[in-house]
Amino acid sequence: MKKVLIIDDELDICMLLKAYLQKNDFSVNYAVNLKEGMLAIKNNTPDTVILDNNLPDGLGINTIDSIKTDFPETQLIMISAMTSLQSKALKKGADFFVPKPFKLSHISQLIHQN
């Protein structure tokens, strides 16, 4: 069972993604800020991280480098309403950039590609 970590400060998005992905046989955890998210990555080594950009304690895009350096096998999907960040996120090492709003099925398909 693939392990997924969602890092997003919008609790409704976390809960919606978690419920959908669990129904599709993923093990899912979430964190609502970067500090909790980075700790969860180190403690659980998820197969996939779904990372929002605007978080209460920083910008998700600024952590892509360290996540991919420390955990190169971890798939990283950046989600953001700021579509202008797409090329920067991909250059920093994100595997995919998904603009908000998104379809849950699209996220699931991307995880299955890993």
C-alpha atoms as a PDB file:
ATOM      1  CA  MET A   1       0.000   0.000   0.000  1.00  0.00           C
ATOM      2  CA  LYS A   2       1.484   3.337  -1.068  1.00  0.00           C
ATOM      3  CA  LYS A   3       1.968   5.963   1.631  1.00  0.00           C
ATOM      4  CA  VAL A   4       0.818   9.498   0.829  1.00  0.00           C
ATOM      5  CA  LEU A   5       1.447  12.662   2.845  1.00  0.00           C
ATOM      6  CA  ILE A   6      -0.622  15.781   2.194  1.00  0.00           C
ATOM      7  CA  ILE A   7       0.838  19.105   3.342  1.00  0.00           C
ATOM      8  CA  ASP A   8      -1.874  21.769   3.088  1.00  0.00           C
ATOM      9  CA  ASP A   9      -3.228  24.286   5.586  1.00  0.00           C
ATOM     10  CA  GLU A  10      -6.763  23.937   4.223  1.00  0.00           C
ATOM     11  CA  LEU A  11      -8.171  21.184   6.418  1.00  0.00           C
ATOM     12  CA  ASP A  12     -11.115  20.569   4.091  1.00  0.00           C
ATOM     13  CA  ILE A  13      -8.733  19.784   1.219  1.00  0.00           C
ATOM     14  CA  CYS A  14      -6.725  17.456   3.474  1.00  0.00           C
ATOM     15  CA  MET A  15      -9.823  15.593   4.619  1.00  0.00           C
ATOM     16  CA  LEU A  16     -11.320  15.360   1.132  1.00  0.00           C
ATOM     17  CA  LEU A  17      -8.074  14.072  -0.400  1.00  0.00           C
ATOM     18  CA  LYS A  18      -7.506  11.684   2.502  1.00  0.00           C
ATOM     19  CA  ALA A  19     -10.985  10.145   2.239  1.00  0.00           C
ATOM     20  CA  TYR A  20     -10.770   9.782  -1.545  1.00  0.00           C
ATOM     21  CA  LEU A  21      -7.268   8.323  -1.574  1.00  0.00           C
ATOM     22  CA  GLN A  22      -8.008   5.890   1.262  1.00  0.00           C
ATOM     23  CA  LYS A  23     -10.937   4.553  -0.772  1.00  0.00           C
ATOM     24  CA  ASN A  24      -8.390   3.947  -3.538  1.00  0.00           C
ATOM     25  CA  ASP A  25      -6.168   1.851  -1.238  1.00  0.00           C
ATOM     26  CA  PHE A  26      -3.591   4.456  -0.227  1.00  0.00           C
ATOM     27  CA  SER A  27      -2.341   4.978   3.314  1.00  0.00           C
ATOM     28  CA  VAL A  28      -2.772   8.721   3.905  1.00  0.00           C
ATOM     29  CA  ASN A  29      -1.575  11.213   6.513  1.00  0.00           C
ATOM     30  CA  TYR A  30      -1.652  14.983   6.440  1.00  0.00           C
ATOM     31  CA  ALA A  31       0.053  17.985   7.995  1.00  0.00           C
ATOM     32  CA  VAL A  32      -1.223  21.562   8.068  1.00  0.00           C
ATOM     33  CA  ASN A  33       2.145  23.349   8.033  1.00  0.00           C
ATOM     34  CA  LEU A  34       5.700  22.849   6.796  1.00  0.00           C
ATOM     35  CA  LYS A  35       7.184  22.040  10.205  1.00  0.00           C
ATOM     36  CA  GLU A  36       4.741  19.165  10.776  1.00  0.00           C
ATOM     37  CA  GLY A  37       5.060  18.099   7.150  1.00  0.00           C
ATOM     38  CA  MET A  38       8.845  17.896   7.155  1.00  0.00           C
ATOM     39  CA  LEU A  39       8.762  15.929  10.420  1.00  0.00           C
ATOM     40  CA  ALA A  40       6.196  13.531   8.934  1.00  0.00           C
ATOM     41  CA  ILE A  41       8.366  13.025   5.835  1.00  0.00           C
ATOM     42  CA  LYS A  42      11.398  12.182   7.974  1.00  0.00           C
ATOM     43  CA  ASN A  43       9.447   9.857  10.280  1.00  0.00           C
ATOM     44  CA  ASN A  44       7.312   8.049   7.696  1.00  0.00           C
ATOM     45  CA  THR A  45       9.133   8.368   4.343  1.00  0.00           C
ATOM     46  CA  PRO A  46       5.989   8.561   2.197  1.00  0.00           C
ATOM     47  CA  ASP A  47       5.971   7.344  -1.389  1.00  0.00           C
ATOM     48  CA  THR A  48       4.212  10.552  -2.445  1.00  0.00           C
ATOM     49  CA  VAL A  49       4.017  14.055  -0.975  1.00  0.00           C
ATOM     50  CA  ILE A  50       1.219  16.376  -2.080  1.00  0.00           C
ATOM     51  CA  LEU A  51       2.526  19.847  -1.250  1.00  0.00           C
ATOM     52  CA  ASP A  52       0.646  23.141  -1.206  1.00  0.00           C
ATOM     53  CA  ASN A  53       2.608  26.354  -1.683  1.00  0.00           C
ATOM     54  CA  ASN A  54       1.050  28.888   0.688  1.00  0.00           C
ATOM     55  CA  LEU A  55       1.431  27.507   4.188  1.00  0.00           C
ATOM     56  CA  PRO A  56       1.319  29.354   7.528  1.00  0.00           C
ATOM     57  CA  ASP A  57       5.029  28.879   8.220  1.00  0.00           C
ATOM     58  CA  GLY A  58       6.470  29.311   4.726  1.00  0.00           C
ATOM     59  CA  LEU A  59       6.239  28.518   1.053  1.00  0.00           C
ATOM     60  CA  GLY A  60       6.095  24.911  -0.047  1.00  0.00           C
ATOM     61  CA  ILE A  61       8.058  25.688  -3.200  1.00  0.00           C
ATOM     62  CA  ASN A  62      11.077  26.564  -1.041  1.00  0.00           C
ATOM     63  CA  THR A  63      11.158  23.042   0.444  1.00  0.00           C
ATOM     64  CA  ILE A  64      11.083  21.085  -2.827  1.00  0.00           C
ATOM     65  CA  ASP A  65      14.895  21.080  -3.088  1.00  0.00           C
ATOM     66  CA  SER A  66      15.443  19.661   0.391  1.00  0.00           C
ATOM     67  CA  ILE A  67      12.672  17.059   0.077  1.00  0.00           C
ATOM     68  CA  LYS A  68      14.010  15.783  -3.255  1.00  0.00           C
ATOM     69  CA  THR A  69      17.626  15.857  -2.017  1.00  0.00           C
ATOM     70  CA  ASP A  70      16.901  13.933   1.188  1.00  0.00           C
ATOM     71  CA  PHE A  71      14.216  11.670  -0.308  1.00  0.00           C
ATOM     72  CA  PRO A  72      14.917  11.359  -4.050  1.00  0.00           C
ATOM     73  CA  GLU A  73      12.574   8.379  -4.489  1.00  0.00           C
ATOM     74  CA  THR A  74       9.598  10.296  -3.062  1.00  0.00           C
ATOM     75  CA  GLN A  75       7.170  11.513  -5.691  1.00  0.00           C
ATOM     76  CA  LEU A  76       6.328  15.190  -5.141  1.00  0.00           C
ATOM     77  CA  ILE A  77       3.109  16.714  -6.444  1.00  0.00           C
ATOM     78  CA  MET A  78       2.813  20.462  -5.922  1.00  0.00           C
ATOM     79  CA  ILE A  79      -0.710  21.869  -5.770  1.00  0.00           C
ATOM     80  CA  SER A  80      -1.421  25.593  -5.915  1.00  0.00           C
ATOM     81  CA  ALA A  81      -3.885  28.123  -7.262  1.00  0.00           C
ATOM     82  CA  MET A  82      -0.853  30.149  -8.386  1.00  0.00           C
ATOM     83  CA  THR A  83      -0.328  28.605 -11.816  1.00  0.00           C
ATOM     84  CA  SER A  84       2.591  30.984 -12.422  1.00  0.00           C
ATOM     85  CA  LEU A  85       4.639  28.750 -10.099  1.00  0.00           C
ATOM     86  CA  GLN A  86       4.418  25.701 -12.356  1.00  0.00           C
ATOM     87  CA  SER A  87       7.726  26.044 -14.214  1.00  0.00           C
ATOM     88  CA  LYS A  88       9.626  27.041 -11.060  1.00  0.00           C
ATOM     89  CA  ALA A  89       8.203  24.080  -9.110  1.00  0.00           C
ATOM     90  CA  LEU A  90       9.128  21.632 -11.866  1.00  0.00           C
ATOM     91  CA  LYS A  91      12.640  23.099 -12.187  1.00  0.00           C
ATOM     92  CA  LYS A  92      13.139  22.710  -8.434  1.00  0.00           C
ATOM     93  CA  GLY A  93      12.300  19.014  -8.699  1.00  0.00           C
ATOM     94  CA  ALA A  94       8.539  18.606  -8.326  1.00  0.00           C
ATOM     95  CA  ASP A  95       7.365  15.632 -10.362  1.00  0.00           C
ATOM     96  CA  PHE A  96       4.027  17.249 -11.158  1.00  0.00           C
ATOM     97  CA  PHE A  97       2.269  20.580 -10.689  1.00  0.00           C
ATOM     98  CA  VAL A  98      -1.508  20.499 -10.328  1.00  0.00           C
ATOM     99  CA  PRO A  99      -3.430  23.786 -10.330  1.00  0.00           C
ATOM    100  CA  LYS A 100      -6.219  24.291  -7.807  1.00  0.00           C
ATOM    101  CA  PRO A 101      -9.042  23.507  -8.108  1.00  0.00           C
ATOM    102  CA  PHE A 102      -8.320  19.953  -9.230  1.00  0.00           C
ATOM    103  CA  LYS A 103     -10.137  16.670  -9.755  1.00  0.00           C
ATOM    104  CA  LEU A 104      -9.462  14.056  -7.109  1.00  0.00           C
ATOM    105  CA  SER A 105      -9.205  11.402  -9.796  1.00  0.00           C
ATOM    106  CA  HIS A 106      -6.358  13.349 -11.434  1.00  0.00           C
ATOM    107  CA  ILE A 107      -4.318  13.288  -8.217  1.00  0.00           C
ATOM    108  CA  SER A 108      -4.956   9.559  -7.848  1.00  0.00           C
ATOM    109  CA  GLN A 109      -3.811   8.924 -11.435  1.00  0.00           C
ATOM    110  CA  LEU A 110      -0.570  10.828 -10.832  1.00  0.00           C
ATOM    111  CA  ILE A 111       0.169   8.812  -7.697  1.00  0.00           C
ATOM    112  CA  HIS A 112      -0.417   5.569  -9.596  1.00  0.00           C
ATOM    113  CA  GLN A 113       2.264   6.669 -12.109  1.00  0.00           C
ATOM    114  CA  ASN A 114       4.907   6.478  -9.378  1.00  0.00           C
END
